[in-house]
Amino acid sequence: VLLHKVIYHLLEEMGKAIVEKAPGTAETQVSGEAEVLNIFELKGRSKSKGPDVKIAGCRITDGHFSKSGTMRLLRSGDVVFEGPCESLKREKKDAETVEKGNDCGLVIQDCDDFQVGDIIQCVEQVIRKPKFISTQSGSVRIEC
């Protein structure tokens, strides 16, 4: 039970409670984009470490790449492959994220079809929560 003398205060408190409990909506968002500059192959690996691997040597041109994101391989604007990131390295060290303007080595799980000039996008799931907006005049609204 909520007691208020002014209806606007009640509306504001109820709006905030609704926004707080709302689950939000999941959206897919491109968080970064990179260009493939070179391709490196690791051959002759032992059976315990797995088969040969192709590494895309990339430069991040926009946003950032995250190891937890899904990678989308584009060639001439068309999606060629989409899958999880298996390895993301910056200067021969494992990295969780790589920012715009930096070079990195990237391995996409089950993908070895890289070509110089391909574009790779990092796609992440983002939860959008509704926003409660109140104005000086006392009006309130919830934006999704």
C-alpha atoms as a PDB file:
ATOM      1  CA  VAL A   1       0.000   0.000   0.000  1.00  0.00           C
ATOM      2  CA  LEU A   2       1.381   3.393  -1.011  1.00  0.00           C
ATOM      3  CA  LEU A   3       0.104   6.622   0.506  1.00  0.00           C
ATOM      4  CA  HIS A   4       0.700   9.955  -1.215  1.00  0.00           C
ATOM      5  CA  LYS A   5      -0.904  13.373  -0.974  1.00  0.00           C
ATOM      6  CA  VAL A   6       0.076  14.316  -4.539  1.00  0.00           C
ATOM      7  CA  ILE A   7      -0.944  12.064  -7.415  1.00  0.00           C
ATOM      8  CA  TYR A   8       2.258  12.859  -9.380  1.00  0.00           C
ATOM      9  CA  HIS A   9       4.414  11.374  -6.621  1.00  0.00           C
ATOM     10  CA  LEU A  10       2.322   8.193  -6.717  1.00  0.00           C
ATOM     11  CA  LEU A  11       2.646   7.989 -10.514  1.00  0.00           C
ATOM     12  CA  GLU A  12       6.389   8.500 -10.298  1.00  0.00           C
ATOM     13  CA  GLU A  13       6.839   5.809  -7.654  1.00  0.00           C
ATOM     14  CA  MET A  14       4.658   3.330  -9.570  1.00  0.00           C
ATOM     15  CA  GLY A  15       6.534   4.047 -12.819  1.00  0.00           C
ATOM     16  CA  LYS A  16       9.885   3.406 -11.162  1.00  0.00           C
ATOM     17  CA  ALA A  17       8.572   0.146  -9.686  1.00  0.00           C
ATOM     18  CA  ILE A  18       7.353  -1.012 -13.111  1.00  0.00           C
ATOM     19  CA  VAL A  19      10.686  -0.186 -14.776  1.00  0.00           C
ATOM     20  CA  GLU A  20      12.626  -1.942 -12.012  1.00  0.00           C
ATOM     21  CA  LYS A  21      10.627  -5.174 -12.396  1.00  0.00           C
ATOM     22  CA  ALA A  22      10.455  -5.147 -16.214  1.00  0.00           C
ATOM     23  CA  PRO A  23      12.577  -7.909 -17.802  1.00  0.00           C
ATOM     24  CA  GLY A  24      13.731  -5.845 -20.780  1.00  0.00           C
ATOM     25  CA  THR A  25      14.115  -6.967 -24.373  1.00  0.00           C
ATOM     26  CA  ALA A  26      17.129  -8.704 -25.892  1.00  0.00           C
ATOM     27  CA  GLU A  27      18.628  -7.132 -29.009  1.00  0.00           C
ATOM     28  CA  THR A  28      21.517  -8.112 -31.232  1.00  0.00           C
ATOM     29  CA  GLN A  29      23.984  -5.263 -31.688  1.00  0.00           C
ATOM     30  CA  VAL A  30      27.163  -4.940 -33.750  1.00  0.00           C
ATOM     31  CA  SER A  31      29.782  -3.887 -31.193  1.00  0.00           C
ATOM     32  CA  GLY A  32      32.768  -3.776 -33.536  1.00  0.00           C
ATOM     33  CA  GLU A  33      34.065  -4.211 -37.041  1.00  0.00           C
ATOM     34  CA  ALA A  34      37.497  -5.275 -38.317  1.00  0.00           C
ATOM     35  CA  GLU A  35      39.234  -5.816 -41.644  1.00  0.00           C
ATOM     36  CA  VAL A  36      41.278  -8.955 -42.358  1.00  0.00           C
ATOM     37  CA  LEU A  37      44.805  -7.797 -43.276  1.00  0.00           C
ATOM     38  CA  ASN A  38      46.615 -11.129 -43.308  1.00  0.00           C
ATOM     39  CA  ILE A  39      46.025 -14.839 -42.755  1.00  0.00           C
ATOM     40  CA  PHE A  40      48.311 -17.032 -40.652  1.00  0.00           C
ATOM     41  CA  GLU A  41      48.261 -20.833 -40.586  1.00  0.00           C
ATOM     42  CA  LEU A  42      49.439 -23.024 -37.741  1.00  0.00           C
ATOM     43  CA  LYS A  43      50.264 -26.384 -39.341  1.00  0.00           C
ATOM     44  CA  GLY A  44      51.575 -29.627 -37.955  1.00  0.00           C
ATOM     45  CA  ARG A  45      50.056 -29.253 -34.525  1.00  0.00           C
ATOM     46  CA  SER A  46      49.980 -32.369 -32.383  1.00  0.00           C
ATOM     47  CA  LYS A  47      46.787 -34.435 -32.205  1.00  0.00           C
ATOM     48  CA  SER A  48      46.316 -33.493 -28.558  1.00  0.00           C
ATOM     49  CA  LYS A  49      46.036 -29.797 -29.470  1.00  0.00           C
ATOM     50  CA  GLY A  50      43.736 -30.344 -32.459  1.00  0.00           C
ATOM     51  CA  PRO A  51      43.928 -29.831 -36.233  1.00  0.00           C
ATOM     52  CA  ASP A  52      45.552 -27.049 -38.273  1.00  0.00           C
ATOM     53  CA  VAL A  53      44.266 -23.556 -37.493  1.00  0.00           C
ATOM     54  CA  LYS A  54      43.788 -20.445 -39.642  1.00  0.00           C
ATOM     55  CA  ILE A  55      44.186 -17.140 -37.826  1.00  0.00           C
ATOM     56  CA  ALA A  56      42.805 -13.887 -39.233  1.00  0.00           C
ATOM     57  CA  GLY A  57      45.180 -10.999 -38.632  1.00  0.00           C
ATOM     58  CA  CYS A  58      42.801  -8.044 -38.264  1.00  0.00           C
ATOM     59  CA  ARG A  59      42.710  -4.334 -37.494  1.00  0.00           C
ATOM     60  CA  ILE A  60      39.674  -3.099 -35.547  1.00  0.00           C
ATOM     61  CA  THR A  61      38.181  -0.255 -37.602  1.00  0.00           C
ATOM     62  CA  ASP A  62      35.130   0.506 -35.469  1.00  0.00           C
ATOM     63  CA  GLY A  63      33.997  -0.190 -31.896  1.00  0.00           C
ATOM     64  CA  HIS A  64      35.562  -3.106 -30.010  1.00  0.00           C
ATOM     65  CA  PHE A  65      35.808  -6.891 -30.214  1.00  0.00           C
ATOM     66  CA  SER A  66      34.947  -9.100 -27.271  1.00  0.00           C
ATOM     67  CA  LYS A  67      35.918 -12.755 -26.914  1.00  0.00           C
ATOM     68  CA  SER A  68      32.419 -13.536 -25.599  1.00  0.00           C
ATOM     69  CA  GLY A  69      30.764 -12.108 -28.724  1.00  0.00           C
ATOM     70  CA  THR A  70      29.619 -13.894 -31.872  1.00  0.00           C
ATOM     71  CA  MET A  71      31.724 -13.246 -34.965  1.00  0.00           C
ATOM     72  CA  ARG A  72      30.149 -12.589 -38.354  1.00  0.00           C
ATOM     73  CA  LEU A  73      32.370 -12.984 -41.453  1.00  0.00           C
ATOM     74  CA  LEU A  74      31.325 -10.714 -44.354  1.00  0.00           C
ATOM     75  CA  ARG A  75      32.585 -10.891 -47.930  1.00  0.00           C
ATOM     76  CA  SER A  76      31.318  -8.294 -50.435  1.00  0.00           C
ATOM     77  CA  GLY A  77      28.599  -7.335 -47.940  1.00  0.00           C
ATOM     78  CA  ASP A  78      27.193 -10.890 -47.652  1.00  0.00           C
ATOM     79  CA  VAL A  79      27.380 -12.999 -44.492  1.00  0.00           C
ATOM     80  CA  VAL A  80      29.662 -15.976 -45.251  1.00  0.00           C
ATOM     81  CA  PHE A  81      29.888 -17.460 -41.743  1.00  0.00           C
ATOM     82  CA  GLU A  82      28.711 -16.743 -38.214  1.00  0.00           C
ATOM     83  CA  GLY A  83      30.031 -18.419 -35.083  1.00  0.00           C
ATOM     84  CA  PRO A  84      31.576 -17.988 -31.641  1.00  0.00           C
ATOM     85  CA  CYS A  85      35.075 -16.635 -31.095  1.00  0.00           C
ATOM     86  CA  GLU A  86      37.539 -19.401 -30.278  1.00  0.00           C
ATOM     87  CA  SER A  87      40.585 -17.195 -29.698  1.00  0.00           C
ATOM     88  CA  LEU A  88      41.263 -13.447 -29.523  1.00  0.00           C
ATOM     89  CA  LYS A  89      44.863 -12.297 -29.106  1.00  0.00           C
ATOM     90  CA  ARG A  90      46.559  -8.911 -28.925  1.00  0.00           C
ATOM     91  CA  GLU A  91      50.355  -8.867 -29.215  1.00  0.00           C
ATOM     92  CA  LYS A  92      50.563 -12.682 -28.731  1.00  0.00           C
ATOM     93  CA  LYS A  93      48.631 -12.498 -25.442  1.00  0.00           C
ATOM     94  CA  ASP A  94      45.063 -13.636 -24.837  1.00  0.00           C
ATOM     95  CA  ALA A  95      42.660 -10.703 -24.675  1.00  0.00           C
ATOM     96  CA  GLU A  96      39.064 -10.386 -23.508  1.00  0.00           C
ATOM     97  CA  THR A  97      38.502  -7.202 -25.562  1.00  0.00           C
ATOM     98  CA  VAL A  98      40.380  -5.312 -28.274  1.00  0.00           C
ATOM     99  CA  GLU A  99      39.567  -1.656 -28.970  1.00  0.00           C
ATOM    100  CA  LYS A 100      39.347   0.373 -32.195  1.00  0.00           C
ATOM    101  CA  GLY A 101      42.644   1.037 -33.989  1.00  0.00           C
ATOM    102  CA  ASN A 102      44.423  -2.033 -32.592  1.00  0.00           C
ATOM    103  CA  ASP A 103      45.573  -5.160 -34.410  1.00  0.00           C
ATOM    104  CA  CYS A 104      44.561  -8.618 -33.230  1.00  0.00           C
ATOM    105  CA  GLY A 105      44.631 -12.297 -34.135  1.00  0.00           C
ATOM    106  CA  LEU A 106      41.237 -13.944 -34.357  1.00  0.00           C
ATOM    107  CA  VAL A 107      40.091 -17.552 -34.673  1.00  0.00           C
ATOM    108  CA  ILE A 108      36.403 -18.241 -35.279  1.00  0.00           C
ATOM    109  CA  GLN A 109      35.232 -21.692 -34.207  1.00  0.00           C
ATOM    110  CA  ASP A 110      34.795 -24.091 -37.183  1.00  0.00           C
ATOM    111  CA  CYS A 111      35.739 -21.387 -39.725  1.00  0.00           C
ATOM    112  CA  ASP A 112      38.840 -21.406 -41.911  1.00  0.00           C
ATOM    113  CA  ASP A 113      37.555 -19.534 -44.969  1.00  0.00           C
ATOM    114  CA  PHE A 114      39.235 -16.167 -44.355  1.00  0.00           C
ATOM    115  CA  GLN A 115      40.384 -13.971 -47.245  1.00  0.00           C
ATOM    116  CA  VAL A 116      42.374 -10.740 -47.135  1.00  0.00           C
ATOM    117  CA  GLY A 117      39.914  -7.841 -47.320  1.00  0.00           C
ATOM    118  CA  ASP A 118      37.051  -9.656 -45.550  1.00  0.00           C
ATOM    119  CA  ILE A 119      35.148  -7.754 -42.883  1.00  0.00           C
ATOM    120  CA  ILE A 120      34.490  -9.349 -39.503  1.00  0.00           C
ATOM    121  CA  GLN A 121      31.804  -8.010 -37.181  1.00  0.00           C
ATOM    122  CA  CYS A 122      31.540  -8.722 -33.471  1.00  0.00           C
ATOM    123  CA  VAL A 123      27.885  -9.155 -32.518  1.00  0.00           C
ATOM    124  CA  GLU A 124      26.698  -9.082 -28.893  1.00  0.00           C
ATOM    125  CA  GLN A 125      23.357  -9.582 -27.163  1.00  0.00           C
ATOM    126  CA  VAL A 126      22.246  -6.474 -25.266  1.00  0.00           C
ATOM    127  CA  ILE A 127      19.322  -6.281 -22.816  1.00  0.00           C
ATOM    128  CA  ARG A 128      17.376  -3.024 -23.238  1.00  0.00           C
ATOM    129  CA  LYS A 129      15.533  -2.021 -20.089  1.00  0.00           C
ATOM    130  CA  PRO A 130      12.614   0.417 -20.288  1.00  0.00           C
ATOM    131  CA  LYS A 131      13.220   3.962 -19.037  1.00  0.00           C
ATOM    132  CA  PHE A 132      11.007   5.982 -16.721  1.00  0.00           C
ATOM    133  CA  ILE A 133      10.813   9.636 -17.717  1.00  0.00           C
ATOM    134  CA  SER A 134       9.160  12.383 -15.678  1.00  0.00           C
ATOM    135  CA  THR A 135       9.058  16.038 -16.642  1.00  0.00           C
ATOM    136  CA  GLN A 136       8.865  19.271 -14.639  1.00  0.00           C
ATOM    137  CA  SER A 137       5.188  19.629 -15.561  1.00  0.00           C
ATOM    138  CA  GLY A 138       4.408  16.388 -13.744  1.00  0.00           C
ATOM    139  CA  SER A 139       3.761  14.182 -16.764  1.00  0.00           C
ATOM    140  CA  VAL A 140       5.347  10.719 -16.755  1.00  0.00           C
ATOM    141  CA  ARG A 141       5.937   8.042 -19.359  1.00  0.00           C
ATOM    142  CA  ILE A 142       7.782   4.754 -19.784  1.00  0.00           C
ATOM    143  CA  GLU A 143       9.885   4.368 -22.937  1.00  0.00           C
ATOM    144  CA  CYS A 144      10.796   0.912 -24.159  1.00  0.00           C
END
